[in-house]
Protein backbone atom coordinates (compact mmCIF):
# COMPACT_ATOMS: atom_id res chain seq x y z
CA MET A 1 40.03 26.20 2.81
CA SER A 2 42.17 22.88 2.99
CA PHE A 3 39.98 19.92 4.17
CA LEU A 4 43.38 18.20 5.26
CA ARG A 5 43.61 21.20 7.61
CA ALA A 6 40.23 20.37 9.00
CA ILE A 7 41.06 16.84 9.26
CA VAL A 8 44.38 17.27 11.18
CA ALA A 9 43.24 19.99 13.32
CA THR A 10 39.98 18.36 14.02
CA THR A 11 40.19 14.73 13.36
CA LEU A 12 43.55 14.51 15.12
CA ALA A 13 42.34 16.58 17.65
CA GLY A 14 38.92 15.33 17.98
CA LEU A 15 38.06 12.85 15.39
CA LEU A 16 34.69 12.62 14.82
CA THR A 17 33.99 15.96 16.93
CA ILE A 18 35.08 17.62 19.87
CA ALA A 19 32.90 16.32 22.64
CA LEU A 20 30.41 18.70 24.21
CA ALA A 21 27.85 17.88 26.58
CA ALA A 22 24.29 18.78 25.63
CA ALA A 23 22.50 21.44 27.30
CA PRO A 24 19.86 20.24 29.97
CA ALA A 25 16.35 19.56 28.81
CA ALA A 26 14.71 23.16 28.25
CA ALA A 27 11.22 22.39 29.96
CA ALA A 28 10.06 20.38 32.81
CA THR A 29 7.34 18.99 30.48
CA PRO A 30 9.35 17.76 27.47
CA ASP A 31 6.25 16.49 25.63
CA SER A 32 4.90 19.89 25.52
CA GLY A 33 3.59 20.42 21.99
CA LEU A 34 4.98 17.42 20.87
CA ASP A 35 2.14 14.95 20.58
CA LYS A 36 1.83 14.96 17.15
CA TYR A 37 5.40 14.09 16.41
CA LEU A 38 5.60 11.43 19.31
CA THR A 39 2.55 9.60 17.90
CA GLN A 40 2.95 10.01 14.21
CA GLN A 41 2.24 7.03 12.00
CA LEU A 42 5.44 6.00 10.01
CA THR A 43 4.93 4.82 6.47
CA TRP A 44 7.75 2.38 5.69
CA GLY A 45 8.72 1.52 1.91
CA PRO A 46 11.68 0.70 -0.60
CA CYS A 47 14.81 2.54 0.44
CA THR A 48 15.79 3.17 -3.25
CA SER A 49 13.24 6.04 -3.23
CA LEU A 50 14.67 7.67 -0.31
CA VAL A 51 18.43 7.14 -0.71
CA PRO A 52 20.06 8.41 -3.75
CA PRO A 53 22.13 6.57 -5.94
CA GLY A 54 25.85 6.23 -5.22
CA ALA A 55 24.89 6.94 -1.40
CA GLY A 56 24.67 3.33 -0.39
CA GLN A 57 21.32 2.64 -2.44
CA ASP A 58 22.68 -0.71 -3.73
CA SER A 59 23.14 -2.38 -0.26
CA LEU A 60 19.65 -1.03 0.61
CA ALA A 61 18.06 -2.53 -2.28
CA ASP A 62 17.59 -5.72 -0.62
CA PRO A 63 13.90 -6.20 0.15
CA ARG A 64 14.81 -7.04 3.87
CA PHE A 65 15.32 -3.41 4.29
CA ASP A 66 12.66 -0.65 4.22
CA CYS A 67 13.06 3.22 4.79
CA THR A 68 10.84 5.92 6.05
CA PHE A 69 11.11 9.55 7.14
CA LEU A 70 10.50 10.84 10.69
CA THR A 71 8.94 14.50 10.87
CA VAL A 72 10.31 16.62 13.61
CA PRO A 73 10.26 20.29 14.24
CA LEU A 74 13.46 22.16 13.20
CA ASP A 75 13.36 24.23 16.53
CA TYR A 76 11.93 22.38 19.54
CA ALA A 77 11.14 25.80 21.30
CA GLN A 78 8.61 26.13 18.37
CA PRO A 79 7.04 22.85 17.74
CA ASP A 80 4.25 24.37 15.57
CA GLY A 81 6.96 25.96 13.24
CA ARG A 82 8.94 24.58 10.54
CA THR A 83 9.42 20.84 10.17
CA ILE A 84 12.31 18.91 8.89
CA LYS A 85 12.36 14.97 8.00
CA ILE A 86 14.80 12.47 9.51
CA ALA A 87 15.66 9.60 7.26
CA MET A 88 15.70 6.07 8.64
CA SER A 89 16.25 2.30 7.58
CA ARG A 90 15.31 -0.56 8.92
CA GLN A 91 15.74 -4.38 9.07
CA LYS A 92 12.62 -6.23 11.03
CA ALA A 93 13.30 -8.55 13.74
CA LEU A 94 13.92 -12.13 12.17
CA ASP A 95 11.93 -13.75 14.90
CA PRO A 96 8.69 -11.45 15.37
CA ALA A 97 7.43 -13.80 18.08
CA ALA A 98 10.58 -13.00 20.13
CA ARG A 99 10.89 -9.49 19.20
CA ILE A 100 11.82 -7.05 22.08
CA GLY A 101 11.89 -3.79 20.41
CA SER A 102 13.89 -1.70 18.30
CA LEU A 103 17.80 -1.14 18.35
CA PHE A 104 18.81 2.16 17.16
CA THR A 105 22.36 3.09 15.74
CA ASP A 106 24.44 5.56 14.53
CA PRO A 107 27.95 5.09 13.06
CA GLY A 108 29.51 8.51 13.93
CA GLY A 109 30.92 11.37 12.26
CA PRO A 110 29.56 13.71 12.88
CA GLY A 111 27.95 13.52 9.50
CA GLY A 112 28.19 9.62 9.05
CA SER A 113 24.87 7.94 7.68
CA GLY A 114 22.89 5.62 9.95
CA VAL A 115 20.67 4.56 7.05
CA THR A 116 23.50 3.24 4.65
CA PHE A 117 25.30 1.93 7.78
CA LEU A 118 22.41 -0.21 8.62
CA PRO A 119 23.17 -3.04 5.90
CA GLN A 120 26.80 -3.40 7.36
CA LEU A 121 25.71 -3.75 10.98
CA ALA A 122 22.95 -6.23 9.89
CA GLY A 123 25.37 -8.33 7.73
CA GLY A 124 27.63 -8.64 10.61
CA LEU A 125 24.73 -9.70 13.11
CA ALA A 126 23.29 -12.23 10.35
CA THR A 127 21.10 -14.40 12.25
CA SER A 128 22.45 -13.59 15.57
CA GLU A 129 20.15 -13.13 18.64
CA LEU A 130 20.17 -9.23 18.37
CA ALA A 131 18.99 -9.67 14.74
CA LYS A 132 16.34 -11.97 15.75
CA ARG A 133 15.02 -10.02 18.76
CA PHE A 134 15.30 -6.35 17.32
CA ASP A 135 14.00 -4.40 14.55
CA LEU A 136 17.58 -2.88 13.67
CA ILE A 137 17.16 0.99 12.72
CA GLY A 138 19.83 3.25 11.33
CA PHE A 139 19.05 6.95 11.11
CA ASP A 140 20.51 10.07 9.31
CA PRO A 141 20.83 12.86 12.23
CA ARG A 142 19.29 16.12 11.15
CA GLY A 143 21.03 17.58 8.00
CA VAL A 144 22.96 14.36 7.36
CA GLY A 145 22.71 12.05 4.35
CA ALA A 146 19.07 11.72 3.13
CA SER A 147 17.59 13.75 5.85
CA GLU A 148 15.94 16.81 4.76
CA PRO A 149 17.04 19.60 4.43
CA ALA A 150 20.71 18.45 4.16
CA ILE A 151 23.83 20.40 5.13
CA ASP A 152 25.08 20.84 1.48
CA CYS A 153 27.24 23.71 1.33
CA SER A 154 29.80 22.71 -1.71
CA ASN A 155 29.31 21.42 -5.17
CA THR A 156 31.56 18.63 -6.52
CA VAL A 157 34.07 21.01 -8.29
CA GLU A 158 34.26 23.15 -4.95
CA VAL A 159 34.91 19.81 -3.06
CA ASP A 160 37.60 18.90 -5.15
CA ALA A 161 39.27 22.20 -5.21
CA GLU A 162 39.14 22.20 -1.37
CA ARG A 163 40.85 18.87 -1.28
CA ALA A 164 43.60 20.04 -3.34
CA ASP A 165 44.09 23.39 -1.53
CA LEU A 166 47.27 23.12 0.65
CA ASP A 167 47.17 25.82 3.23
CA LEU A 168 50.62 25.32 4.21
CA ASP A 169 51.74 28.96 4.11
CA VAL A 170 52.19 29.83 7.65
CA SER A 171 53.24 33.42 7.09
CA PRO A 172 50.72 36.43 7.93
CA ALA A 173 49.77 36.42 4.27
CA GLY A 174 49.27 32.83 4.31
CA VAL A 175 47.30 32.78 7.57
CA ALA A 176 45.14 35.69 6.12
CA GLN A 177 44.61 33.56 2.96
CA THR A 178 43.50 30.45 4.71
CA GLU A 179 41.01 32.51 7.13
CA SER A 180 39.55 34.28 4.12
CA GLU A 181 38.87 30.60 2.57
CA GLU A 182 37.28 29.62 6.04
CA LYS A 183 34.98 32.73 5.95
CA ALA A 184 34.00 32.19 2.26
CA PHE A 185 33.04 28.34 3.18
CA ALA A 186 31.00 29.58 6.08
CA GLN A 187 29.02 32.24 3.94
CA ARG A 188 28.36 29.69 1.29
CA CYS A 189 26.74 27.56 4.18
CA VAL A 190 24.59 30.47 4.95
CA ASP A 191 23.52 31.06 1.49
CA ARG A 192 23.03 27.59 0.52
CA VAL A 193 21.47 26.19 3.90
CA GLY A 194 20.44 29.04 5.87
CA THR A 195 21.19 30.31 9.50
CA ASP A 196 18.03 28.96 10.78
CA VAL A 197 19.11 25.00 9.84
CA LEU A 198 22.63 25.78 10.60
CA ALA A 199 21.51 26.89 14.17
CA ALA A 200 19.57 23.80 14.65
CA VAL A 201 22.00 20.81 13.67
CA GLY A 202 23.55 20.35 16.88
CA THR A 203 23.85 16.89 18.91
CA ARG A 204 21.36 18.59 21.55
CA ASP A 205 18.50 18.49 18.93
CA VAL A 206 19.79 15.22 17.44
CA ALA A 207 19.02 13.69 20.89
CA ARG A 208 15.50 15.17 20.91
CA ASP A 209 14.97 13.67 17.59
CA LEU A 210 15.94 10.15 18.73
CA ARG A 211 13.46 10.58 21.71
CA VAL A 212 10.80 11.28 18.86
CA ALA A 213 12.00 8.30 16.82
CA TYR A 214 12.04 5.70 19.42
CA ARG A 215 8.54 6.87 20.62
CA ALA A 216 7.23 6.93 17.05
CA VAL A 217 8.00 3.10 16.52
CA GLY A 218 6.38 2.15 19.45
CA ASP A 219 9.16 1.60 22.00
CA GLN A 220 8.60 2.34 25.66
CA LYS A 221 12.20 3.33 26.13
CA LEU A 222 15.45 3.48 23.97
CA THR A 223 17.93 0.92 22.98
CA TYR A 224 20.92 2.34 21.20
CA VAL A 225 24.29 1.38 19.92
CA GLY A 226 26.31 4.35 19.07
CA TYR A 227 29.84 4.55 17.62
CA SER A 228 32.42 7.30 17.70
CA TYR A 229 30.52 10.43 17.37
CA GLY A 230 27.47 8.36 17.94
CA THR A 231 28.57 8.02 21.72
CA GLU A 232 28.03 11.62 22.14
CA ILE A 233 24.48 11.25 20.67
CA GLY A 234 24.13 8.57 23.22
CA SER A 235 25.39 10.31 26.25
CA THR A 236 23.55 13.56 25.30
CA PHE A 237 20.36 11.46 25.05
CA ALA A 238 21.17 10.12 28.55
CA SER A 239 21.97 13.67 29.84
CA GLN A 240 18.40 14.93 28.61
CA PHE A 241 16.32 11.91 29.23
CA PRO A 242 18.19 9.47 31.54
CA THR A 243 14.93 7.72 32.84
CA GLU A 244 14.14 6.95 29.26
CA VAL A 245 16.84 4.79 28.51
CA ARG A 246 16.43 0.96 28.41
CA ALA A 247 20.35 0.26 27.10
CA LEU A 248 23.10 2.09 25.75
CA VAL A 249 26.23 0.59 24.14
CA LEU A 250 28.80 3.42 23.51
CA ASP A 251 31.79 2.21 21.69
CA GLY A 252 34.74 4.64 20.63
CA ALA A 253 33.68 7.22 23.32
CA ILE A 254 34.14 10.70 23.13
CA ASP A 255 34.75 12.52 26.48
CA PRO A 256 32.56 15.27 27.02
CA ALA A 257 34.23 16.86 29.98
CA GLN A 258 37.29 17.69 27.82
CA ASP A 259 37.75 21.08 26.80
CA PRO A 260 38.59 21.83 23.02
CA VAL A 261 42.50 22.04 23.84
CA GLN A 262 42.91 18.75 25.73
CA ALA A 263 40.64 16.95 23.04
CA ARG A 264 42.90 18.16 20.43
CA LEU A 265 46.06 17.10 22.15
CA THR A 266 44.74 13.54 23.33
CA GLN A 267 43.77 12.93 19.78
CA SER A 268 47.03 13.68 18.28
CA ARG A 269 48.77 11.32 20.71
CA GLY A 270 46.34 8.83 19.70
CA PHE A 271 46.92 9.02 15.99
CA GLN A 272 50.72 8.90 16.40
CA ARG A 273 50.40 5.86 18.79
CA ALA A 274 48.42 4.27 15.91
CA PHE A 275 50.94 5.29 13.39
CA ASP A 276 53.84 3.96 15.56
CA GLY A 277 51.94 0.61 15.93
CA PHE A 278 51.65 0.47 12.22
CA ALA A 279 55.41 1.32 11.81
CA ALA A 280 56.38 -1.31 14.34
CA VAL A 281 54.57 -4.26 12.30
CA CYS A 282 55.73 -2.56 8.77
CA VAL A 283 59.42 -2.60 9.66
CA THR A 284 59.44 -6.38 10.33
CA ARG A 285 58.32 -7.03 6.74
CA PRO A 286 60.57 -6.93 3.76
CA ASP A 287 58.15 -4.90 1.46
CA CYS A 288 57.65 -2.20 4.26
CA GLY A 289 56.99 1.03 2.52
CA LEU A 290 58.94 2.78 5.47
CA GLY A 291 62.09 1.03 5.08
CA ALA A 292 63.55 -0.81 8.07
CA ASP A 293 64.08 1.99 10.55
CA LYS A 294 60.94 2.03 13.21
CA ALA A 295 62.73 5.12 15.09
CA GLY A 296 62.63 7.28 11.94
CA ALA A 297 59.25 6.17 10.61
CA SER A 298 57.50 9.56 11.13
CA ALA A 299 60.32 11.57 9.30
CA ARG A 300 60.44 8.57 6.68
CA LEU A 301 56.42 9.06 5.89
CA GLN A 302 56.98 12.62 5.40
CA ALA A 303 60.06 12.25 3.14
CA ILE A 304 57.98 10.06 0.98
CA LEU A 305 54.81 12.49 0.92
CA LYS A 306 56.14 15.86 0.92
CA PRO A 307 57.33 15.90 -2.73
CA LEU A 308 53.55 15.80 -3.55
CA ILE A 309 53.19 19.27 -2.15
CA THR A 310 54.74 20.61 -5.39
CA THR A 311 54.73 17.56 -7.58
CA PRO A 312 51.31 15.69 -7.66
CA ILE A 313 51.73 12.05 -9.16
CA PRO A 314 49.22 10.00 -11.37
CA ALA A 315 46.77 7.98 -9.56
CA GLY A 316 44.70 6.22 -12.36
CA ASP A 317 41.59 7.30 -14.31
CA GLY A 318 43.24 10.65 -15.26
CA ARG A 319 43.50 11.83 -11.73
CA THR A 320 46.72 12.59 -9.37
CA LEU A 321 47.53 12.11 -5.66
CA GLY A 322 48.72 15.49 -4.00
CA TYR A 323 49.94 15.82 -0.47
CA ASN A 324 46.50 16.33 1.12
CA ASP A 325 44.96 13.40 -0.24
CA ALA A 326 48.14 11.46 0.62
CA MET A 327 48.09 12.40 4.23
CA THR A 328 44.20 11.85 4.34
CA GLY A 329 44.89 8.25 2.98
CA VAL A 330 47.37 7.48 5.71
CA ILE A 331 45.14 8.85 8.38
CA THR A 332 42.08 6.85 7.09
CA ALA A 333 44.15 3.64 6.99
CA LEU A 334 45.00 4.36 10.76
CA TYR A 335 41.46 3.67 11.84
CA SER A 336 41.66 -0.12 11.28
CA GLN A 337 44.50 -2.62 11.16
CA ALA A 338 42.81 -4.20 8.38
CA LEU A 339 43.87 -1.30 6.12
CA TRP A 340 47.42 -1.29 7.16
CA GLY A 341 48.58 -3.50 4.30
CA PHE A 342 46.78 -1.63 1.75
CA MET A 343 48.39 1.64 3.08
CA ASN A 344 51.88 0.12 2.90
CA GLU A 345 51.40 -0.91 -0.42
CA GLY A 346 50.28 2.62 -1.09
CA LEU A 347 53.32 4.04 0.42
CA THR A 348 55.58 1.65 -2.02
CA GLN A 349 53.44 2.88 -4.79
CA VAL A 350 54.33 6.65 -4.23
CA GLY A 351 58.03 5.74 -4.17
CA LYS A 352 57.25 4.40 -7.68
CA GLY A 353 55.15 7.39 -8.91
CA ASP A 354 51.89 5.74 -8.52
CA GLY A 355 49.19 7.36 -5.94
CA THR A 356 46.56 4.75 -6.61
CA ASN A 357 46.07 3.39 -3.26
CA LEU A 358 46.41 6.34 -1.18
CA LEU A 359 43.84 8.29 -3.15
CA ARG A 360 41.35 5.40 -2.88
CA LEU A 361 41.67 5.64 0.77
CA ALA A 362 41.25 9.53 0.76
CA ASP A 363 38.20 9.11 -1.74
CA ALA A 364 36.69 6.59 1.06
CA TYR A 365 37.17 9.07 3.74
CA TYR A 366 35.48 11.72 1.66
CA GLU A 367 32.73 9.30 0.52
CA ARG A 368 33.46 10.08 -3.05
CA ALA A 369 31.13 7.97 -5.51
CA PRO A 370 32.27 6.21 -8.80
CA ASP A 371 30.78 9.02 -10.64
CA GLY A 372 32.95 11.61 -8.95
CA SER A 373 30.10 13.00 -6.75
CA TYR A 374 30.17 13.42 -2.86
CA GLY A 375 27.64 13.02 -0.12
CA ASN A 376 27.66 15.91 2.60
CA LEU A 377 29.61 14.07 5.25
CA ILE A 378 32.28 16.50 5.43
CA GLU A 379 30.12 19.65 5.34
CA ALA A 380 27.96 17.95 8.10
CA PHE A 381 31.00 17.35 9.94
CA GLN A 382 32.01 20.81 9.82
CA ALA A 383 28.50 22.21 10.62
CA ILE A 384 27.65 20.35 13.48
CA THR A 385 31.22 20.38 14.89
CA CYS A 386 30.88 24.29 15.05
CA VAL A 387 27.48 24.39 17.02
CA ASP A 388 28.68 21.42 19.38
CA ARG A 389 31.61 23.26 20.61
CA ALA A 390 33.03 26.88 21.70
CA PRO A 391 35.43 28.07 18.88
CA ILE A 392 38.91 28.99 19.45
CA THR A 393 39.32 32.54 18.62
CA ASP A 394 42.65 33.63 19.84
CA PRO A 395 45.15 33.29 17.27
CA LYS A 396 48.04 32.81 19.95
CA LEU A 397 46.00 29.75 21.23
CA ALA A 398 45.56 28.39 17.98
CA LEU A 399 49.45 28.86 17.34
CA ASP A 400 50.29 27.18 20.50
CA ILE A 401 47.85 24.30 19.83
CA SER A 402 49.20 23.86 16.37
CA ARG A 403 52.91 23.73 17.75
CA GLN A 404 51.91 21.02 20.37
CA GLN A 405 50.15 19.05 17.68
CA ASN A 406 53.14 19.05 15.40
CA ALA A 407 55.21 17.78 18.47
CA LEU A 408 52.97 15.15 19.44
CA ALA A 409 52.07 13.83 15.95
CA PRO A 410 55.10 14.12 13.88
CA PHE A 411 53.87 11.66 11.31
CA ALA A 412 51.54 14.39 10.18
CA ASP A 413 53.79 17.43 10.36
CA PRO A 414 54.97 18.54 6.87
CA GLY A 415 57.74 20.65 8.46
CA VAL A 416 56.23 24.08 7.64
CA GLY A 417 56.18 25.29 11.11
CA PRO A 418 53.04 25.81 13.44
CA SER A 419 50.13 28.03 12.12
CA SER A 420 48.02 30.84 13.90
CA ALA A 421 45.21 30.43 11.64
CA LEU A 422 41.82 30.32 13.07
CA GLU A 423 39.78 27.45 12.19
CA LEU A 424 36.20 27.40 10.50
CA CYS A 425 34.33 27.40 13.73
CA ALA A 426 35.95 30.73 14.68
CA PHE A 427 33.81 32.18 11.55
CA TRP A 428 30.64 30.26 12.09
CA PRO A 429 27.48 32.48 11.48
CA VAL A 430 25.60 30.85 14.37
CA GLU A 431 26.26 30.21 18.13
CA PRO A 432 27.03 26.78 19.65
CA THR A 433 24.17 25.33 21.10
CA SER A 434 26.12 23.10 23.84
CA ALA A 435 28.89 23.48 26.29
CA ALA A 436 31.66 21.15 27.47
CA GLY A 437 31.05 19.58 30.62
CA PRO A 438 30.43 16.06 32.03
CA VAL A 439 27.36 14.00 31.81
CA VAL A 440 24.94 14.49 34.63
CA ALA A 441 22.23 11.87 34.20
CA PRO A 442 20.39 11.14 37.60
CA GLY A 443 18.18 7.98 37.18
CA LEU A 444 20.20 6.56 34.30
CA PRO A 445 20.47 2.99 34.72
CA THR A 446 23.76 1.08 34.45
CA VAL A 447 24.83 1.36 30.63
CA LEU A 448 27.95 -0.24 28.68
CA VAL A 449 30.94 2.00 27.54
CA VAL A 450 33.32 0.24 25.24
CA SER A 451 36.93 1.33 24.77
CA SER A 452 39.88 -0.10 22.81
CA THR A 453 43.39 0.11 24.09
CA GLY A 454 44.86 1.17 20.62
CA ASP A 455 41.84 3.29 19.40
CA PRO A 456 43.60 6.08 17.46
CA ALA A 457 40.60 8.51 17.15
CA THR A 458 38.90 8.20 20.26
CA PRO A 459 41.66 7.07 22.95
CA TYR A 460 41.14 4.64 25.54
CA GLU A 461 41.37 7.05 28.37
CA ASP A 462 38.33 8.90 26.94
CA GLY A 463 36.34 5.84 27.41
CA VAL A 464 37.50 5.51 30.95
CA SER A 465 36.27 9.05 31.58
CA LEU A 466 33.01 8.88 30.13
CA ALA A 467 32.35 5.40 31.98
CA LYS A 468 33.08 7.33 35.20
CA GLN A 469 30.85 10.23 34.46
CA MET A 470 27.87 7.86 33.44
CA LYS A 471 28.68 5.41 36.22
CA ALA A 472 28.59 2.84 33.57
CA ARG A 473 30.18 -0.49 33.16
CA LEU A 474 33.53 -0.15 31.11
CA LEU A 475 34.49 -2.83 28.78
CA THR A 476 38.00 -2.72 28.17
CA VAL A 477 39.01 -4.25 24.59
CA GLU A 478 42.57 -5.09 23.62
CA ASN A 479 42.38 -3.76 19.91
CA ASP A 480 44.23 -1.32 17.90
CA GLY A 481 41.30 -0.14 15.72
CA HIS A 482 38.57 2.48 15.85
CA THR A 483 35.47 0.84 17.71
CA VAL A 484 35.11 -3.05 17.94
CA ALA A 485 31.78 -4.14 19.57
CA LEU A 486 29.44 -6.11 17.40
CA GLN A 487 31.50 -6.13 14.38
CA GLY A 488 32.92 -9.79 14.50
CA LEU A 489 36.33 -8.33 15.61
CA ASN A 490 36.23 -9.68 19.20
CA LYS A 491 33.81 -12.35 20.22
CA CYS A 492 34.19 -11.55 23.93
CA ALA A 493 33.27 -7.89 23.33
CA ASP A 494 30.47 -9.02 21.04
CA ASP A 495 29.01 -11.65 23.58
CA ILE A 496 29.20 -9.03 26.46
CA ALA A 497 27.44 -6.27 24.42
CA SER A 498 24.98 -8.62 22.82
CA ARG A 499 23.82 -10.19 26.40
CA TYR A 500 23.55 -6.66 27.83
CA LEU A 501 21.27 -5.57 24.97
CA VAL A 502 19.13 -8.53 25.08
CA ASP A 503 18.40 -9.09 28.67
CA LEU A 504 20.28 -6.02 30.31
CA THR A 505 22.84 -8.40 32.00
CA LEU A 506 26.10 -6.96 32.59
CA PRO A 507 29.31 -8.13 34.47
CA ALA A 508 29.52 -7.61 38.07
CA ALA A 509 32.70 -5.73 37.60
CA ASP A 510 34.40 -3.91 34.61
CA PRO A 511 35.32 -6.54 31.98
CA ARG A 512 38.44 -6.84 29.94
CA CYS A 513 38.63 -8.82 26.47
CA ALA A 514 42.05 -10.03 25.28
CA ARG A 515 43.25 -9.40 21.71
CA GLN A 516 41.69 -11.61 19.14
CA PRO A 517 43.88 -12.49 16.20
CA PRO A 518 42.71 -11.58 12.95
CA ALA A 519 40.64 -14.51 11.11
């Protein structure tokens, strides 16, 4: 199984998950059997005892952060059955006398760790009003990061092998080989994680965990900032518990009304648009790794990278850069304009037989630690995605999607032709727990959806759609990166989001923030 195939087929077509609305709340009395969870006493302590080395522990070693485990039922239909642990990290409000409550956050994924994201968010907020008036809380969704049990299907050797596996043979034999690898991975997850856990890691249940979390810390309603896939957690929470929302900021929105095919094609357009933006800037520079021809930038990129299919190049520390990792590095850099210069340097390096920069970008995507180990982001991404959407099981449809993606995103097309190979989710051992559809949230207060005009992973139009479904205020930001609010990238966007989170004040009409030049 090629991880690049998963990235191109799922990231370009729905990075950080294909959006699916959660099923409605199952019971008229959602607290039934949950009192012991909602009223549990949390024991906070040093994060170094909770987060393993190499997984963000260094940043959490600062004593201003503390961590805990939240206990929740594995299956909410059986609250007296097996329990699991949700890892949480916290920075207490800097001004306790002015404290409003807790501000929960998730960075995306699915599979991203909110626990290790918290120091980044807290560092950006510094001594702002948000940091003064809220306990900032990051959490690892069930199965992710430090939460227990973790979705851990592959060891280091297996992850390295999957990164190197090309899966570019589109012949019947090649398709059969690719699908056999997908089946083997699914079986490995069954053997190492168990179907009971795999069936319970969907966003539907993450939203239920978030409800337990805000109640357990003593808040009356939820205040939450979600980025990318984190917007799906937020919109799912809103659909299940609309009257329990105090404030939601959803940035880099996933559109839950899109079917899987629409989502794939929208994302393909988004990443090609981002690559074209990079190329337009690059060709104006004398050191552009793509040369001086913007019109042929996609073809030039593939001309640079395709030799790596057969001949990987040195990339430092005895490692090599192959085609998969090179493309993953490019895709990673398209998330943020701040990475474009590093990527450009990397493309120039490849022309000189050096793969250092692009391999570093790929390592960042896979969260590879300096000792060569990996977190479980990719495995969690795949497992959660497969229970959050209906799989595509028709080879003809898979072939048509592949053909359209190649046409819409030529920068990522290696030129081997479309493939009818079915993706991992077609062979997943448990059924989806969610279904595609718009958010229906009667009683939801007006919330804030943030969408960047040039977001490659969650295109602008997805935010427009989500805001319409949620009857939310839409904040449009002229920005080419993936997500923007509360990150110091655009003061206008930060001010609007902060004012709303603190005192629930929103502009009378949908606001728009102009592009802010880099500092």
